[in-house]
Amino acid sequence: MKMNFIKKHGSNVLFGCFIILLIIPQTRMPIQVFLQRTISLSPSEILKEDRIVLKSYNWNLIDTTSKSLNLKQSKGSVILINYWATWCPPCIAEMPAMQNLYDLYGNQVDFYFITNDDPNKVSNYLKTENYKLPVYFQAGKSPVILESNSLPTTFLLSKEGEIVMKKVGAARWNASKVHHTIDKLLIE
């Protein structure tokens, strides 16, 4: 009798348990992060004829040590800009890949990890996860073509300011396709 019940309703019981785990705040985030990492794909290059060019680099930012800077300092460089938050499961899902990408290209590409989170929360998160990413807070309005209302959103810009990749949602940024694109941008 017991075996018949399990055979007949086992998948429903498992699905019900999964739903309950998603409702519980302590288990929801890790499950969402795991699922995002599992289903994320590497981003694609935007076709040359469809690329938009950043004209104004004027964007005031503040780093985690309260030092002010402007995106203008990166004009002429390959730039990766990522909007993220500590409470965002897709953002957290792609952070290990972002750290790996930064470790690989941090001396050649200008990385900007932009957040509006509480600075203490950000510092604690980075320390807990042992991330060494260059995080910034907006001190002024971003250029219009770099605006986004979705997290995460990531832009990869060429030295000429072309948006070569734009991805809304989690992605595998440490993929060979991304490496190939960055390598190509660095030698152009």
Protein backbone atom coordinates (compact mmCIF):
# COMPACT_ATOMS: atom_id res chain seq x y z
CA MET A 1 0.00 0.00 0.00
CA LYS A 2 2.79 2.41 0.98
CA MET A 3 4.79 1.63 -2.17
CA ASN A 4 1.77 2.22 -4.38
CA PHE A 5 1.28 5.66 -2.81
CA ILE A 6 4.94 6.55 -3.40
CA LYS A 7 4.83 5.29 -6.99
CA LYS A 8 1.60 7.11 -7.67
CA HIS A 9 2.31 10.42 -5.89
CA GLY A 10 6.11 10.54 -5.50
CA SER A 11 6.67 13.22 -8.13
CA ASN A 12 3.88 15.36 -6.65
CA VAL A 13 5.41 15.06 -3.18
CA LEU A 14 8.85 16.05 -4.52
CA PHE A 15 7.37 18.99 -6.42
CA GLY A 16 5.50 20.08 -3.27
CA CYS A 17 8.72 19.90 -1.23
CA PHE A 18 10.52 21.95 -3.88
CA ILE A 19 7.80 24.62 -3.76
CA ILE A 20 7.97 24.73 0.05
CA LEU A 21 11.76 25.18 -0.13
CA LEU A 22 11.27 28.08 -2.55
CA ILE A 23 8.86 29.75 -0.13
CA ILE A 24 11.25 29.56 2.83
CA PRO A 25 13.54 32.62 2.64
CA GLN A 26 16.66 30.78 3.88
CA THR A 27 16.46 28.17 1.11
CA ARG A 28 14.96 30.27 -1.70
CA MET A 29 18.14 32.23 -2.55
CA PRO A 30 20.50 29.22 -2.82
CA ILE A 31 17.98 27.34 -4.98
CA GLN A 32 17.47 30.33 -7.26
CA VAL A 33 21.23 30.87 -7.58
CA PHE A 34 21.78 27.19 -8.40
CA LEU A 35 19.05 27.24 -11.06
CA GLN A 36 20.41 30.46 -12.61
CA ARG A 37 23.92 28.99 -12.84
CA THR A 38 22.51 25.84 -14.39
CA ILE A 39 20.48 27.53 -17.13
CA SER A 40 22.72 30.53 -17.94
CA LEU A 41 24.36 30.69 -21.34
CA SER A 42 27.26 32.78 -22.54
CA PRO A 43 26.26 36.13 -24.05
CA SER A 44 26.44 36.80 -27.77
CA GLU A 45 28.14 39.56 -29.69
CA ILE A 46 25.93 42.25 -31.17
CA LEU A 47 26.24 42.39 -34.97
CA LYS A 48 28.57 45.19 -36.10
CA GLU A 49 25.80 47.04 -37.94
CA ASP A 50 23.51 46.92 -34.86
CA ARG A 51 26.00 48.28 -32.33
CA ILE A 52 25.33 51.55 -30.52
CA VAL A 53 28.28 53.81 -29.71
CA LEU A 54 28.73 55.50 -26.35
CA LYS A 55 29.30 59.17 -27.12
CA SER A 56 29.50 60.65 -23.62
CA TYR A 57 31.60 58.90 -21.01
CA ASN A 58 30.68 61.49 -18.38
CA TRP A 59 29.48 59.41 -15.42
CA ASN A 60 30.50 60.14 -11.84
CA LEU A 61 31.08 57.12 -9.63
CA ILE A 62 32.32 56.45 -6.12
CA ASP A 63 34.35 53.37 -5.20
CA THR A 64 34.11 51.36 -1.97
CA THR A 65 36.71 53.61 -0.32
CA SER A 66 34.60 56.73 -1.10
CA LYS A 67 37.02 57.86 -3.81
CA SER A 68 35.35 59.71 -6.70
CA LEU A 69 36.09 58.94 -10.31
CA ASN A 70 34.55 59.37 -13.72
CA LEU A 71 34.02 56.84 -16.49
CA LYS A 72 35.87 59.33 -18.77
CA GLN A 73 39.11 57.86 -17.42
CA SER A 74 38.32 54.67 -19.34
CA LYS A 75 37.69 56.27 -22.72
CA GLY A 76 39.80 54.41 -25.28
CA SER A 77 39.81 51.19 -23.20
CA VAL A 78 37.80 48.00 -23.39
CA ILE A 79 35.17 48.34 -20.65
CA LEU A 80 32.87 45.89 -18.89
CA ILE A 81 30.02 47.42 -16.87
CA ASN A 82 27.84 45.20 -14.70
CA TYR A 83 24.81 46.36 -12.71
CA TRP A 84 24.19 44.06 -9.76
CA ALA A 85 22.88 43.80 -6.19
CA THR A 86 23.56 41.60 -3.19
CA TRP A 87 19.88 40.58 -2.95
CA CYS A 88 19.60 39.56 -6.63
CA PRO A 89 19.84 35.76 -7.24
CA PRO A 90 20.83 36.05 -10.94
CA CYS A 91 23.53 38.59 -9.96
CA ILE A 92 24.90 36.28 -7.30
CA ALA A 93 24.75 33.36 -9.74
CA GLU A 94 27.07 35.06 -12.24
CA MET A 95 29.51 36.57 -9.71
CA PRO A 96 31.96 33.62 -9.61
CA ALA A 97 32.28 33.81 -13.42
CA MET A 98 32.70 37.59 -13.19
CA GLN A 99 35.46 37.17 -10.61
CA ASN A 100 37.20 34.64 -12.88
CA LEU A 101 36.87 37.00 -15.85
CA TYR A 102 38.24 39.87 -13.77
CA ASP A 103 41.15 37.69 -12.59
CA LEU A 104 41.95 36.92 -16.22
CA TYR A 105 41.49 40.40 -17.75
CA GLY A 106 41.65 42.83 -14.83
CA ASN A 107 44.91 44.39 -16.07
CA GLN A 108 43.66 44.85 -19.65
CA VAL A 109 39.94 45.65 -19.33
CA ASP A 110 38.35 48.36 -17.17
CA PHE A 111 35.72 46.66 -15.01
CA TYR A 112 32.89 48.55 -13.30
CA PHE A 113 30.57 46.63 -11.00
CA ILE A 114 27.80 49.13 -10.26
CA THR A 115 25.41 48.73 -7.34
CA ASN A 116 22.96 50.84 -5.39
CA ASP A 117 23.08 48.59 -2.32
CA ASP A 118 24.06 49.78 1.11
CA PRO A 119 27.89 50.13 1.11
CA ASN A 120 28.26 48.10 4.33
CA LYS A 121 26.16 45.29 2.89
CA VAL A 122 28.28 45.32 -0.28
CA SER A 123 31.56 45.25 1.68
CA ASN A 124 30.33 42.37 3.84
CA TYR A 125 29.17 40.43 0.78
CA LEU A 126 32.47 40.92 -1.06
CA LYS A 127 34.45 39.93 2.02
CA THR A 128 32.30 36.86 2.77
CA GLU A 129 32.53 35.62 -0.81
CA ASN A 130 36.20 36.63 -1.13
CA TYR A 131 35.54 38.72 -4.26
CA LYS A 132 38.12 41.30 -5.30
CA LEU A 133 35.97 43.11 -7.85
CA PRO A 134 36.08 46.88 -8.46
CA VAL A 135 32.67 47.95 -7.12
CA TYR A 136 31.23 51.42 -7.62
CA PHE A 137 28.21 53.42 -6.56
CA GLN A 138 26.56 55.96 -8.84
CA ALA A 139 27.24 59.57 -7.90
CA GLY A 140 25.53 60.90 -10.99
CA LYS A 141 23.26 59.85 -13.81
CA SER A 142 24.63 57.21 -16.16
CA PRO A 143 24.85 57.85 -19.90
CA VAL A 144 21.43 57.13 -21.43
CA ILE A 145 22.55 54.14 -23.49
CA LEU A 146 23.95 52.50 -20.35
CA GLU A 147 20.74 52.84 -18.33
CA SER A 148 19.02 49.69 -17.15
CA ASN A 149 16.10 48.86 -14.87
CA SER A 150 16.95 45.15 -14.74
CA LEU A 151 19.51 43.27 -12.67
CA PRO A 152 21.92 42.00 -13.66
CA THR A 153 22.65 43.92 -16.83
CA THR A 154 26.12 43.82 -18.35
CA PHE A 155 27.70 45.83 -21.16
CA LEU A 156 30.98 45.08 -22.93
CA LEU A 157 32.33 48.11 -24.81
CA SER A 158 35.08 48.32 -27.39
CA LYS A 159 37.88 50.90 -27.27
CA GLU A 160 35.76 53.03 -29.63
CA GLY A 161 32.77 52.89 -27.26
CA GLU A 162 30.72 50.40 -29.26
CA ILE A 163 28.44 48.19 -27.18
CA VAL A 164 29.71 44.84 -28.39
CA MET A 165 27.76 42.73 -25.91
CA LYS A 166 24.72 43.56 -23.80
CA LYS A 167 23.09 40.97 -21.59
CA VAL A 168 20.12 41.41 -19.30
CA GLY A 169 19.96 38.54 -16.82
CA ALA A 170 22.57 36.07 -15.66
CA ALA A 171 25.13 34.81 -18.15
CA ARG A 172 28.30 32.74 -18.27
CA TRP A 173 30.76 35.59 -18.62
CA ASN A 174 33.83 33.42 -18.18
CA ALA A 175 33.08 31.42 -21.34
CA SER A 176 35.46 30.93 -24.26
CA LYS A 177 33.11 32.92 -26.52
CA VAL A 178 33.50 35.94 -24.22
CA HIS A 179 37.28 35.43 -23.99
CA HIS A 180 37.48 35.35 -27.79
CA THR A 181 35.50 38.60 -28.06
CA ILE A 182 37.59 40.37 -25.42
CA ASP A 183 40.85 39.17 -26.97
CA LYS A 184 39.70 40.49 -30.35
CA LEU A 185 38.73 43.87 -28.81
CA LEU A 186 42.08 44.21 -27.05
CA ILE A 187 44.07 43.90 -30.29
CA GLU A 188 41.84 46.22 -32.37
